[in-house]
Structures are given as structure tokens and as C-alpha cells.
Amino acid sequence: MRALNAMSSTIGAGLVAALSGVAAFAQDAPSGLNEFGPEPKGWFLQDAATPVMEELIVVHNLVQIIITAIVLFVFLLMAYILIRFRESKNPVPSKTSHNTLIEIVWTVVPVILLVIIAIPSMNLLYKQDRLPETEMTVKVVGNTWNWLYSYPEYENVEEWVSNPLDETQAREVGQPYLLATDAPLVVPVGTKVKVLVTSVNNMHSWAVPSFGVKMDAVPGIINETWFEVFEEGTYYGQCSEICGVRHYYMPIEVKAVSKAEFARFIAAGGEPEDKFAQLNDGGGAVVSAND
């Protein structure tokens, strides 16, 4: 009985973890060209944009398969027990109290499953935690309520503030509201980027689902993580720490460009892209994107 209770607890915990994993990440990439972020009514993880996220999806799928198999097995086993050992078929109840083979199986099989899950999980944790030989560094500072970005290795680029676009601005430039910003973080593709994450006052969390990155921004502490983007495009994330009344107003936008484009961006002093330049009618008024 204790073993059955332990197995039931394991199944329940696994289902909660699986559901949490699906809910924690935004969904498949949207239909917009070279934009990667949550999709309305999406149900799975975002497409992988980094080696870490690729491995994370593999581990997630492995655990999902194992959890699903356990749930189906227990469901069928309970159905068999209810039918096979119902009172009408067994007027004289069995007095069997032990079965050595069954006790060995329900002890050994869970251990084997845990080992199967543990090996790729530990490899993934190691890859996430251990920084490889990186090629550039980005500093990310959580503020109330925006993100501050800088490149410590490029003295000609000043720190800048990344604020979210309001609903009207997002609609005008055709980007998602509460995800797009006025000044995205720009990084080159095919480059291992070290990210130093900290905060000015509140606790925040810098998270980009398609990168497989989620790092807490803690005042007085500098945490490290890394990523390497495969494909050029715009990637979205959000602060995933409940940091205060405007927590929802801290989106993350990362623009991955070619190495040549990034070199031009740095040479120009890291001047943020003017997203509304094409919407200006020449007289200083911003017009609709459809005009």
C-alpha cells in the first residue's frame, strides 16, 4: 500500500510539473516573418532558437512520454482491478498479502525511470549553468519598470533603456502589444553571448522562452547565463518574477542580426532603431501603418 501511495504521489507531481512546464512558456512562433513569440491559443513550447532550448525540448518531451505512459498504465490497471476483483465475482475475498515479484517490479521500475530522466536532465542543467567560452558580454539591469541594456566591452555604446510600446504604438508598427519595446537588445547570430543579470531595486527575472533562458535579477547580485542564437529575427520574452504593480510592463525584445549588421550597429554607437520612421508623414505626425 505504501508503494502504491508513493507511485500515486509521483504521478501527481509529474502531471503538475508537466502542466506547469507547458503553461510557463509562451507557445509556438507567430506567423509574422522572422518574429518568434507567443501565439494566441498556442499549446506547446516556442520553437528552439538556441542549443540549450533544443535540449530542453528533448528533455521535456521525454518526461511527457514517461508521464503519459505511467498515467495510462495506472488507469488500465485500476480498471482491471475494479472489474476482475469486484464483489460479485469474488464473494470470498482473497487473503493474499504479499507478492514478491510485484513488489520487486514496483520498486525497480520507478528507479529505472528516474535514472532515465535524471541523465539528460543533469546534462541539461550542466549546459545551462556552465558558461562556455563566450565571444561577447551583455549587461541586463532590471529597473522599475523597464530594462537597462549595455555592452561592457564596447565603450562607445552607452547604456540604454528599453521601454514597452503602448497598444497604439505596437499596432502602428505591427508588433505584439506587451512584448514589443522601443529599443530592443541587439545581438549577432552564431555568437556565444554571456549575459550578466542584476537589478536596481526589485527582484526581476530576464526570461526569453525560445532561448531557454530564465535568470533572476537580484539587487546586489550579478547572475550569469548565456545563449547562442541560430537564426536572425526578433525574439520576445517577459519578466517572469512577480516584481510589483507594473510587472506586466517589463517585456523583453531581442533582435538577432548578422555579424556584419551588428558591427555596423556598434560602429554607429548602438543607436536604437527608430521603429516609427517609416510611419512619419514628413510633418512630424505619426500616421497609421495602413495609410
C-alpha atoms as a PDB file:
ATOM      1  CA  MET A   1       0.000   0.000   0.000  1.00  0.00           C
ATOM      2  CA  ARG A   2       2.823   2.398   0.839  1.00  0.00           C
ATOM      3  CA  ALA A   3       4.376   1.681  -2.548  1.00  0.00           C
ATOM      4  CA  LEU A   4       1.073   2.402  -4.316  1.00  0.00           C
ATOM      5  CA  ASN A   5       0.725   5.672  -2.412  1.00  0.00           C
ATOM      6  CA  ALA A   6       4.262   6.636  -3.357  1.00  0.00           C
ATOM      7  CA  MET A   7       3.556   5.833  -7.005  1.00  0.00           C
ATOM      8  CA  SER A   8       0.355   7.922  -6.924  1.00  0.00           C
ATOM      9  CA  SER A   9       2.256  10.846  -5.416  1.00  0.00           C
ATOM     10  CA  THR A  10       4.912  10.571  -8.109  1.00  0.00           C
ATOM     11  CA  ILE A  11       2.280  10.564 -10.863  1.00  0.00           C
ATOM     12  CA  GLY A  12       0.523  13.595  -9.368  1.00  0.00           C
ATOM     13  CA  ALA A  13       3.766  15.527  -9.039  1.00  0.00           C
ATOM     14  CA  GLY A  14       4.719  14.620 -12.597  1.00  0.00           C
ATOM     15  CA  LEU A  15       1.426  15.840 -14.012  1.00  0.00           C
ATOM     16  CA  VAL A  16       1.692  19.125 -12.122  1.00  0.00           C
ATOM     17  CA  ALA A  17       5.239  19.610 -13.372  1.00  0.00           C
ATOM     18  CA  ALA A  18       4.215  18.839 -16.930  1.00  0.00           C
ATOM     19  CA  LEU A  19       1.270  21.227 -16.878  1.00  0.00           C
ATOM     20  CA  SER A  20       3.412  23.918 -15.250  1.00  0.00           C
ATOM     21  CA  GLY A  21       6.057  23.470 -17.919  1.00  0.00           C
ATOM     22  CA  VAL A  22       3.547  23.934 -20.703  1.00  0.00           C
ATOM     23  CA  ALA A  23       1.969  26.967 -19.036  1.00  0.00           C
ATOM     24  CA  ALA A  24       5.264  28.565 -18.077  1.00  0.00           C
ATOM     25  CA  PHE A  25       6.459  29.017 -21.614  1.00  0.00           C
ATOM     26  CA  ALA A  26       4.835  31.013 -24.405  1.00  0.00           C
ATOM     27  CA  GLN A  27       3.699  28.992 -27.364  1.00  0.00           C
ATOM     28  CA  ASP A  28       4.640  28.412 -30.996  1.00  0.00           C
ATOM     29  CA  ALA A  29       6.141  31.148 -33.125  1.00  0.00           C
ATOM     30  CA  PRO A  30       3.673  33.657 -34.615  1.00  0.00           C
ATOM     31  CA  SER A  31       3.049  33.911 -38.298  1.00  0.00           C
ATOM     32  CA  GLY A  32       4.919  37.235 -38.657  1.00  0.00           C
ATOM     33  CA  LEU A  33       8.116  36.916 -40.725  1.00  0.00           C
ATOM     34  CA  ASN A  34      11.191  36.430 -38.524  1.00  0.00           C
ATOM     35  CA  GLU A  35       9.260  37.069 -35.324  1.00  0.00           C
ATOM     36  CA  PHE A  36       9.331  34.455 -32.598  1.00  0.00           C
ATOM     37  CA  GLY A  37       6.988  34.754 -29.654  1.00  0.00           C
ATOM     38  CA  PRO A  38       3.706  33.560 -28.159  1.00  0.00           C
ATOM     39  CA  GLU A  39       0.856  32.566 -30.430  1.00  0.00           C
ATOM     40  CA  PRO A  40      -2.790  33.021 -29.400  1.00  0.00           C
ATOM     41  CA  LYS A  41      -4.280  29.660 -28.375  1.00  0.00           C
ATOM     42  CA  GLY A  42      -0.900  28.004 -28.807  1.00  0.00           C
ATOM     43  CA  TRP A  43      -0.359  24.920 -26.653  1.00  0.00           C
ATOM     44  CA  PHE A  44       3.283  23.899 -26.950  1.00  0.00           C
ATOM     45  CA  LEU A  45       6.734  25.354 -26.308  1.00  0.00           C
ATOM     46  CA  GLN A  46       8.173  28.004 -28.595  1.00  0.00           C
ATOM     47  CA  ASP A  47      10.468  26.876 -31.385  1.00  0.00           C
ATOM     48  CA  ALA A  48      14.053  26.490 -30.185  1.00  0.00           C
ATOM     49  CA  ALA A  49      16.398  29.340 -31.112  1.00  0.00           C
ATOM     50  CA  THR A  50      19.435  28.137 -29.130  1.00  0.00           C
ATOM     51  CA  PRO A  51      21.223  24.831 -28.384  1.00  0.00           C
ATOM     52  CA  VAL A  52      20.004  24.935 -24.774  1.00  0.00           C
ATOM     53  CA  MET A  53      16.362  25.284 -25.795  1.00  0.00           C
ATOM     54  CA  GLU A  54      16.727  22.414 -28.275  1.00  0.00           C
ATOM     55  CA  GLU A  55      17.938  20.137 -25.485  1.00  0.00           C
ATOM     56  CA  LEU A  56      15.283  21.451 -23.106  1.00  0.00           C
ATOM     57  CA  ILE A  57      12.538  20.461 -25.555  1.00  0.00           C
ATOM     58  CA  VAL A  58      14.048  16.969 -25.885  1.00  0.00           C
ATOM     59  CA  VAL A  59      14.027  16.501 -22.095  1.00  0.00           C
ATOM     60  CA  HIS A  60      10.503  17.927 -21.848  1.00  0.00           C
ATOM     61  CA  ASN A  61       9.212  15.502 -24.486  1.00  0.00           C
ATOM     62  CA  LEU A  62      10.946  12.548 -22.833  1.00  0.00           C
ATOM     63  CA  VAL A  63       9.331  13.345 -19.465  1.00  0.00           C
ATOM     64  CA  GLN A  64       5.947  13.843 -21.113  1.00  0.00           C
ATOM     65  CA  ILE A  65       6.141  10.415 -22.757  1.00  0.00           C
ATOM     66  CA  ILE A  66       7.069   8.735 -19.474  1.00  0.00           C
ATOM     67  CA  ILE A  67       4.339  10.560 -17.543  1.00  0.00           C
ATOM     68  CA  THR A  68       1.723   9.694 -20.158  1.00  0.00           C
ATOM     69  CA  ALA A  69       2.740   6.021 -20.130  1.00  0.00           C
ATOM     70  CA  ILE A  70       2.504   5.912 -16.311  1.00  0.00           C
ATOM     71  CA  VAL A  71      -0.931   7.524 -16.281  1.00  0.00           C
ATOM     72  CA  LEU A  72      -2.281   5.132 -18.931  1.00  0.00           C
ATOM     73  CA  PHE A  73      -0.802   2.106 -17.166  1.00  0.00           C
ATOM     74  CA  VAL A  74      -2.289   3.077 -13.784  1.00  0.00           C
ATOM     75  CA  PHE A  75      -5.664   3.874 -15.368  1.00  0.00           C
ATOM     76  CA  LEU A  76      -5.819   0.497 -17.130  1.00  0.00           C
ATOM     77  CA  LEU A  77      -4.586  -1.309 -14.011  1.00  0.00           C
ATOM     78  CA  MET A  78      -7.277   0.294 -11.849  1.00  0.00           C
ATOM     79  CA  ALA A  79      -9.940  -0.548 -14.445  1.00  0.00           C
ATOM     80  CA  TYR A  80      -8.768  -4.172 -14.496  1.00  0.00           C
ATOM     81  CA  ILE A  81      -8.825  -4.382 -10.683  1.00  0.00           C
ATOM     82  CA  LEU A  82     -12.328  -2.887 -10.467  1.00  0.00           C
ATOM     83  CA  ILE A  83     -13.687  -5.395 -12.998  1.00  0.00           C
ATOM     84  CA  ARG A  84     -11.670  -8.507 -12.135  1.00  0.00           C
ATOM     85  CA  PHE A  85     -11.962  -8.279  -8.351  1.00  0.00           C
ATOM     86  CA  ARG A  86     -15.434  -6.826  -7.933  1.00  0.00           C
ATOM     87  CA  GLU A  87     -17.531  -8.265  -5.112  1.00  0.00           C
ATOM     88  CA  SER A  88     -19.949 -10.131  -7.360  1.00  0.00           C
ATOM     89  CA  LYS A  89     -17.099 -12.131  -8.857  1.00  0.00           C
ATOM     90  CA  ASN A  90     -15.286 -12.658  -5.546  1.00  0.00           C
ATOM     91  CA  PRO A  91     -17.800 -13.432  -2.792  1.00  0.00           C
ATOM     92  CA  VAL A  92     -14.936 -14.847  -0.707  1.00  0.00           C
ATOM     93  CA  PRO A  93     -12.194 -12.203  -0.562  1.00  0.00           C
ATOM     94  CA  SER A  94      -8.602 -13.270  -1.117  1.00  0.00           C
ATOM     95  CA  LYS A  95      -6.283 -13.220   1.878  1.00  0.00           C
ATOM     96  CA  THR A  96      -3.143 -12.734  -0.206  1.00  0.00           C
ATOM     97  CA  SER A  97      -0.927 -10.100   1.444  1.00  0.00           C
ATOM     98  CA  HIS A  98       2.388 -10.336  -0.454  1.00  0.00           C
ATOM     99  CA  ASN A  99       3.672 -10.939  -3.948  1.00  0.00           C
ATOM    100  CA  THR A 100       7.433 -10.897  -4.201  1.00  0.00           C
ATOM    101  CA  LEU A 101       7.589 -10.383  -7.977  1.00  0.00           C
ATOM    102  CA  ILE A 102       5.170  -7.434  -7.960  1.00  0.00           C
ATOM    103  CA  GLU A 103       6.999  -5.794  -5.041  1.00  0.00           C
ATOM    104  CA  ILE A 104      10.321  -6.095  -6.879  1.00  0.00           C
ATOM    105  CA  VAL A 105       8.832  -4.691 -10.094  1.00  0.00           C
ATOM    106  CA  TRP A 106       7.180  -1.659  -8.497  1.00  0.00           C
ATOM    107  CA  THR A 107      10.448  -0.878  -6.705  1.00  0.00           C
ATOM    108  CA  VAL A 108      12.868  -1.393  -9.599  1.00  0.00           C
ATOM    109  CA  VAL A 109      10.844   0.141 -12.455  1.00  0.00           C
ATOM    110  CA  PRO A 110      10.434   3.598 -10.817  1.00  0.00           C
ATOM    111  CA  VAL A 111      14.181   3.649 -10.092  1.00  0.00           C
ATOM    112  CA  ILE A 112      14.949   2.868 -13.750  1.00  0.00           C
ATOM    113  CA  LEU A 113      12.540   5.594 -14.936  1.00  0.00           C
ATOM    114  CA  LEU A 114      14.122   8.141 -12.578  1.00  0.00           C
ATOM    115  CA  VAL A 115      17.591   7.282 -13.899  1.00  0.00           C
ATOM    116  CA  ILE A 116      16.340   7.645 -17.490  1.00  0.00           C
ATOM    117  CA  ILE A 117      15.013  11.116 -16.607  1.00  0.00           C
ATOM    118  CA  ALA A 118      17.983  12.122 -14.453  1.00  0.00           C
ATOM    119  CA  ILE A 119      20.767  11.571 -17.002  1.00  0.00           C
ATOM    120  CA  PRO A 120      19.553  14.039 -19.706  1.00  0.00           C
ATOM    121  CA  SER A 121      18.230  16.406 -17.026  1.00  0.00           C
ATOM    122  CA  MET A 122      21.616  16.670 -15.311  1.00  0.00           C
ATOM    123  CA  ASN A 123      23.333  17.153 -18.674  1.00  0.00           C
ATOM    124  CA  LEU A 124      20.919  19.985 -19.455  1.00  0.00           C
ATOM    125  CA  LEU A 125      21.396  21.630 -16.062  1.00  0.00           C
ATOM    126  CA  TYR A 126      25.154  21.460 -16.541  1.00  0.00           C
ATOM    127  CA  LYS A 127      24.915  23.040 -20.003  1.00  0.00           C
ATOM    128  CA  GLN A 128      22.686  25.829 -18.650  1.00  0.00           C
ATOM    129  CA  ASP A 129      24.843  26.530 -15.605  1.00  0.00           C
ATOM    130  CA  ARG A 130      28.338  26.201 -17.086  1.00  0.00           C
ATOM    131  CA  LEU A 131      29.262  29.114 -19.312  1.00  0.00           C
ATOM    132  CA  PRO A 132      31.268  28.146 -22.411  1.00  0.00           C
ATOM    133  CA  GLU A 133      33.993  30.341 -23.862  1.00  0.00           C
ATOM    134  CA  THR A 134      31.800  33.322 -24.789  1.00  0.00           C
ATOM    135  CA  GLU A 135      32.552  35.872 -27.511  1.00  0.00           C
ATOM    136  CA  MET A 136      30.772  38.937 -26.122  1.00  0.00           C
ATOM    137  CA  THR A 137      29.041  40.182 -22.973  1.00  0.00           C
ATOM    138  CA  VAL A 138      25.727  41.917 -22.422  1.00  0.00           C
ATOM    139  CA  LYS A 139      24.671  43.515 -19.138  1.00  0.00           C
ATOM    140  CA  VAL A 140      20.969  43.449 -18.258  1.00  0.00           C
ATOM    141  CA  VAL A 141      19.629  45.515 -15.359  1.00  0.00           C
ATOM    142  CA  GLY A 142      16.039  45.271 -14.133  1.00  0.00           C
ATOM    143  CA  ASN A 143      14.512  48.616 -13.238  1.00  0.00           C
ATOM    144  CA  THR A 144      11.062  49.771 -12.156  1.00  0.00           C
ATOM    145  CA  TRP A 145       9.579  49.374 -14.707  1.00  0.00           C
ATOM    146  CA  ASN A 146      11.858  48.726 -17.673  1.00  0.00           C
ATOM    147  CA  TRP A 147      15.118  47.053 -18.653  1.00  0.00           C
ATOM    148  CA  LEU A 148      18.533  48.685 -18.980  1.00  0.00           C
ATOM    149  CA  TYR A 149      20.976  47.214 -21.511  1.00  0.00           C
ATOM    150  CA  SER A 150      24.670  47.809 -22.105  1.00  0.00           C
ATOM    151  CA  TYR A 151      27.730  46.238 -23.729  1.00  0.00           C
ATOM    152  CA  PRO A 152      30.615  46.401 -21.202  1.00  0.00           C
ATOM    153  CA  GLU A 153      33.152  45.558 -23.930  1.00  0.00           C
ATOM    154  CA  TYR A 154      32.107  48.431 -26.215  1.00  0.00           C
ATOM    155  CA  GLU A 155      32.879  51.757 -24.588  1.00  0.00           C
ATOM    156  CA  ASN A 156      31.367  53.771 -27.462  1.00  0.00           C
ATOM    157  CA  VAL A 157      27.896  52.323 -26.777  1.00  0.00           C
ATOM    158  CA  GLU A 158      26.088  53.917 -23.858  1.00  0.00           C
ATOM    159  CA  GLU A 159      23.591  52.116 -21.650  1.00  0.00           C
ATOM    160  CA  TRP A 160      20.040  52.488 -22.914  1.00  0.00           C
ATOM    161  CA  VAL A 161      16.531  51.989 -21.566  1.00  0.00           C
ATOM    162  CA  SER A 162      14.116  49.540 -23.180  1.00  0.00           C
ATOM    163  CA  ASN A 163      10.507  50.570 -22.600  1.00  0.00           C
ATOM    164  CA  PRO A 164       7.393  48.748 -23.810  1.00  0.00           C
ATOM    165  CA  LEU A 165       5.327  50.129 -26.649  1.00  0.00           C
ATOM    166  CA  ASP A 166       1.816  51.139 -25.724  1.00  0.00           C
ATOM    167  CA  GLU A 167      -1.094  49.497 -27.520  1.00  0.00           C
ATOM    168  CA  THR A 168      -1.380  52.179 -30.208  1.00  0.00           C
ATOM    169  CA  GLN A 169       2.344  52.192 -30.955  1.00  0.00           C
ATOM    170  CA  ALA A 170       2.508  48.393 -31.140  1.00  0.00           C
ATOM    171  CA  ARG A 171      -0.394  48.335 -33.581  1.00  0.00           C
ATOM    172  CA  GLU A 172       1.225  51.025 -35.755  1.00  0.00           C
ATOM    173  CA  VAL A 173       4.471  49.110 -36.173  1.00  0.00           C
ATOM    174  CA  GLY A 174       2.772  45.702 -36.394  1.00  0.00           C
ATOM    175  CA  GLN A 175       4.355  44.204 -33.301  1.00  0.00           C
ATOM    176  CA  PRO A 176       2.727  42.396 -30.348  1.00  0.00           C
ATOM    177  CA  TYR A 177       1.454  44.581 -27.520  1.00  0.00           C
ATOM    178  CA  LEU A 178       3.089  43.929 -24.104  1.00  0.00           C
ATOM    179  CA  LEU A 179       6.005  42.202 -25.841  1.00  0.00           C
ATOM    180  CA  ALA A 180       7.475  44.809 -28.197  1.00  0.00           C
ATOM    181  CA  THR A 181       9.757  47.585 -26.945  1.00  0.00           C
ATOM    182  CA  ASP A 182      11.051  50.889 -28.255  1.00  0.00           C
ATOM    183  CA  ALA A 183      14.713  49.781 -28.037  1.00  0.00           C
ATOM    184  CA  PRO A 184      15.424  46.049 -28.291  1.00  0.00           C
ATOM    185  CA  LEU A 185      18.607  44.295 -27.250  1.00  0.00           C
ATOM    186  CA  VAL A 186      20.646  43.646 -30.404  1.00  0.00           C
ATOM    187  CA  VAL A 187      22.914  40.593 -30.657  1.00  0.00           C
ATOM    188  CA  PRO A 188      24.705  38.830 -33.544  1.00  0.00           C
ATOM    189  CA  VAL A 189      23.704  35.334 -34.644  1.00  0.00           C
ATOM    190  CA  GLY A 190      26.154  32.476 -34.324  1.00  0.00           C
ATOM    191  CA  THR A 191      27.809  34.126 -31.326  1.00  0.00           C
ATOM    192  CA  LYS A 192      28.042  32.837 -27.774  1.00  0.00           C
ATOM    193  CA  VAL A 193      26.747  35.715 -25.645  1.00  0.00           C
ATOM    194  CA  LYS A 194      27.336  35.984 -21.899  1.00  0.00           C
ATOM    195  CA  VAL A 195      24.505  37.777 -20.092  1.00  0.00           C
ATOM    196  CA  LEU A 196      25.134  39.476 -16.742  1.00  0.00           C
ATOM    197  CA  VAL A 197      21.821  39.991 -14.972  1.00  0.00           C
ATOM    198  CA  THR A 198      21.142  42.185 -11.944  1.00  0.00           C
ATOM    199  CA  SER A 199      18.563  44.646 -10.626  1.00  0.00           C
ATOM    200  CA  VAL A 200      18.418  48.179  -9.276  1.00  0.00           C
ATOM    201  CA  ASN A 201      15.752  47.669  -6.604  1.00  0.00           C
ATOM    202  CA  ASN A 202      13.099  44.956  -7.121  1.00  0.00           C
ATOM    203  CA  MET A 203      13.627  41.307  -7.961  1.00  0.00           C
ATOM    204  CA  HIS A 204      13.007  40.639 -11.638  1.00  0.00           C
ATOM    205  CA  SER A 205      13.675  37.713 -13.964  1.00  0.00           C
ATOM    206  CA  TRP A 206      15.037  38.021 -17.508  1.00  0.00           C
ATOM    207  CA  ALA A 207      13.338  35.263 -19.479  1.00  0.00           C
ATOM    208  CA  VAL A 208      13.234  34.534 -23.219  1.00  0.00           C
ATOM    209  CA  PRO A 209      11.385  31.222 -23.799  1.00  0.00           C
ATOM    210  CA  SER A 210      12.769  30.469 -27.270  1.00  0.00           C
ATOM    211  CA  PHE A 211      16.313  30.858 -25.857  1.00  0.00           C
ATOM    212  CA  GLY A 212      15.643  28.539 -22.914  1.00  0.00           C
ATOM    213  CA  VAL A 213      16.864  31.375 -20.682  1.00  0.00           C
ATOM    214  CA  LYS A 214      15.358  32.456 -17.370  1.00  0.00           C
ATOM    215  CA  MET A 215      17.695  34.235 -14.966  1.00  0.00           C
ATOM    216  CA  ASP A 216      16.708  36.119 -11.802  1.00  0.00           C
ATOM    217  CA  ALA A 217      17.744  39.760 -11.490  1.00  0.00           C
ATOM    218  CA  VAL A 218      18.541  40.279  -7.804  1.00  0.00           C
ATOM    219  CA  PRO A 219      19.651  43.629  -6.288  1.00  0.00           C
ATOM    220  CA  GLY A 220      23.305  43.497  -5.248  1.00  0.00           C
ATOM    221  CA  ILE A 221      23.983  40.201  -7.056  1.00  0.00           C
ATOM    222  CA  ILE A 222      25.163  39.607 -10.623  1.00  0.00           C
ATOM    223  CA  ASN A 223      23.921  36.326 -12.089  1.00  0.00           C
ATOM    224  CA  GLU A 224      25.272  34.865 -15.310  1.00  0.00           C
ATOM    225  CA  THR A 225      23.725  32.970 -18.170  1.00  0.00           C
ATOM    226  CA  TRP A 226      24.399  32.577 -21.887  1.00  0.00           C
ATOM    227  CA  PHE A 227      22.830  31.909 -25.257  1.00  0.00           C
ATOM    228  CA  GLU A 228      23.720  31.495 -28.914  1.00  0.00           C
ATOM    229  CA  VAL A 229      21.012  32.351 -31.431  1.00  0.00           C
ATOM    230  CA  PHE A 230      20.728  30.302 -34.625  1.00  0.00           C
ATOM    231  CA  GLU A 231      18.535  32.468 -36.812  1.00  0.00           C
ATOM    232  CA  GLU A 232      18.115  36.179 -37.487  1.00  0.00           C
ATOM    233  CA  GLY A 233      14.846  37.628 -36.243  1.00  0.00           C
ATOM    234  CA  THR A 234      13.052  39.214 -33.325  1.00  0.00           C
ATOM    235  CA  TYR A 235      12.515  37.194 -30.158  1.00  0.00           C
ATOM    236  CA  TYR A 236      10.227  38.074 -27.283  1.00  0.00           C
ATOM    237  CA  GLY A 237      10.143  37.369 -23.569  1.00  0.00           C
ATOM    238  CA  GLN A 238       8.830  38.891 -20.359  1.00  0.00           C
ATOM    239  CA  CYS A 239       9.870  39.411 -16.765  1.00  0.00           C
ATOM    240  CA  SER A 240       8.856  36.152 -15.074  1.00  0.00           C
ATOM    241  CA  GLU A 241       9.201  37.342 -11.482  1.00  0.00           C
ATOM    242  CA  ILE A 242       6.141  38.980  -9.912  1.00  0.00           C
ATOM    243  CA  CYS A 243       8.058  42.185  -9.262  1.00  0.00           C
ATOM    244  CA  GLY A 244       5.299  44.678  -8.489  1.00  0.00           C
ATOM    245  CA  VAL A 245       2.291  46.580  -9.709  1.00  0.00           C
ATOM    246  CA  ARG A 246       3.688  47.045 -13.253  1.00  0.00           C
ATOM    247  CA  HIS A 247       5.232  43.616 -13.605  1.00  0.00           C
ATOM    248  CA  TYR A 248       3.289  43.161 -16.850  1.00  0.00           C
ATOM    249  CA  TYR A 249       5.027  46.246 -18.250  1.00  0.00           C
ATOM    250  CA  MET A 250       8.510  44.701 -18.499  1.00  0.00           C
ATOM    251  CA  PRO A 251       8.647  42.916 -21.865  1.00  0.00           C
ATOM    252  CA  ILE A 252      11.891  41.709 -23.416  1.00  0.00           C
ATOM    253  CA  GLU A 253      12.667  42.124 -27.099  1.00  0.00           C
ATOM    254  CA  VAL A 254      15.879  40.696 -28.559  1.00  0.00           C
ATOM    255  CA  LYS A 255      16.810  41.387 -32.157  1.00  0.00           C
ATOM    256  CA  ALA A 256      19.265  38.880 -33.628  1.00  0.00           C
ATOM    257  CA  VAL A 257      21.111  40.239 -36.674  1.00  0.00           C
ATOM    258  CA  SER A 258      24.004  39.178 -38.867  1.00  0.00           C
ATOM    259  CA  LYS A 259      27.530  39.762 -37.604  1.00  0.00           C
ATOM    260  CA  ALA A 260      28.070  42.419 -40.268  1.00  0.00           C
ATOM    261  CA  GLU A 261      24.872  44.244 -39.256  1.00  0.00           C
ATOM    262  CA  PHE A 262      25.873  44.049 -35.597  1.00  0.00           C
ATOM    263  CA  ALA A 263      29.299  45.532 -36.426  1.00  0.00           C
ATOM    264  CA  ARG A 264      27.560  48.462 -38.148  1.00  0.00           C
ATOM    265  CA  PHE A 265      25.247  48.833 -35.135  1.00  0.00           C
ATOM    266  CA  ILE A 266      28.224  49.050 -32.761  1.00  0.00           C
ATOM    267  CA  ALA A 267      30.151  51.420 -35.072  1.00  0.00           C
ATOM    268  CA  ALA A 268      27.130  53.739 -35.026  1.00  0.00           C
ATOM    269  CA  GLY A 269      27.264  53.882 -31.233  1.00  0.00           C
ATOM    270  CA  GLY A 270      24.430  51.437 -30.717  1.00  0.00           C
ATOM    271  CA  GLU A 271      21.800  53.870 -31.915  1.00  0.00           C
ATOM    272  CA  PRO A 272      18.365  52.258 -31.333  1.00  0.00           C
ATOM    273  CA  GLU A 273      16.232  51.628 -34.387  1.00  0.00           C
ATOM    274  CA  ASP A 274      13.538  54.245 -34.984  1.00  0.00           C
ATOM    275  CA  LYS A 275      10.522  51.977 -35.352  1.00  0.00           C
ATOM    276  CA  PHE A 276       8.277  54.879 -36.314  1.00  0.00           C
ATOM    277  CA  ALA A 277      10.481  56.389 -39.022  1.00  0.00           C
ATOM    278  CA  GLN A 278       8.504  54.760 -41.845  1.00  0.00           C
ATOM    279  CA  LEU A 279       5.244  55.963 -40.300  1.00  0.00           C
ATOM    280  CA  ASN A 280       6.192  59.626 -40.235  1.00  0.00           C
ATOM    281  CA  ASP A 281       4.446  61.647 -42.936  1.00  0.00           C
ATOM    282  CA  GLY A 282       7.214  64.256 -43.068  1.00  0.00           C
ATOM    283  CA  GLY A 283       5.447  66.765 -40.878  1.00  0.00           C
ATOM    284  CA  GLY A 284       6.274  65.104 -37.592  1.00  0.00           C
ATOM    285  CA  ALA A 285       2.933  63.328 -37.191  1.00  0.00           C
ATOM    286  CA  VAL A 286       2.802  59.588 -36.892  1.00  0.00           C
ATOM    287  CA  VAL A 287       0.298  58.088 -39.292  1.00  0.00           C
ATOM    288  CA  SER A 288      -1.299  54.670 -39.410  1.00  0.00           C
ATOM    289  CA  ALA A 289       0.654  51.811 -40.927  1.00  0.00           C
ATOM    290  CA  ASN A 290      -2.253  51.279 -43.310  1.00  0.00           C
ATOM    291  CA  ASP A 291      -2.208  54.839 -44.636  1.00  0.00           C
END
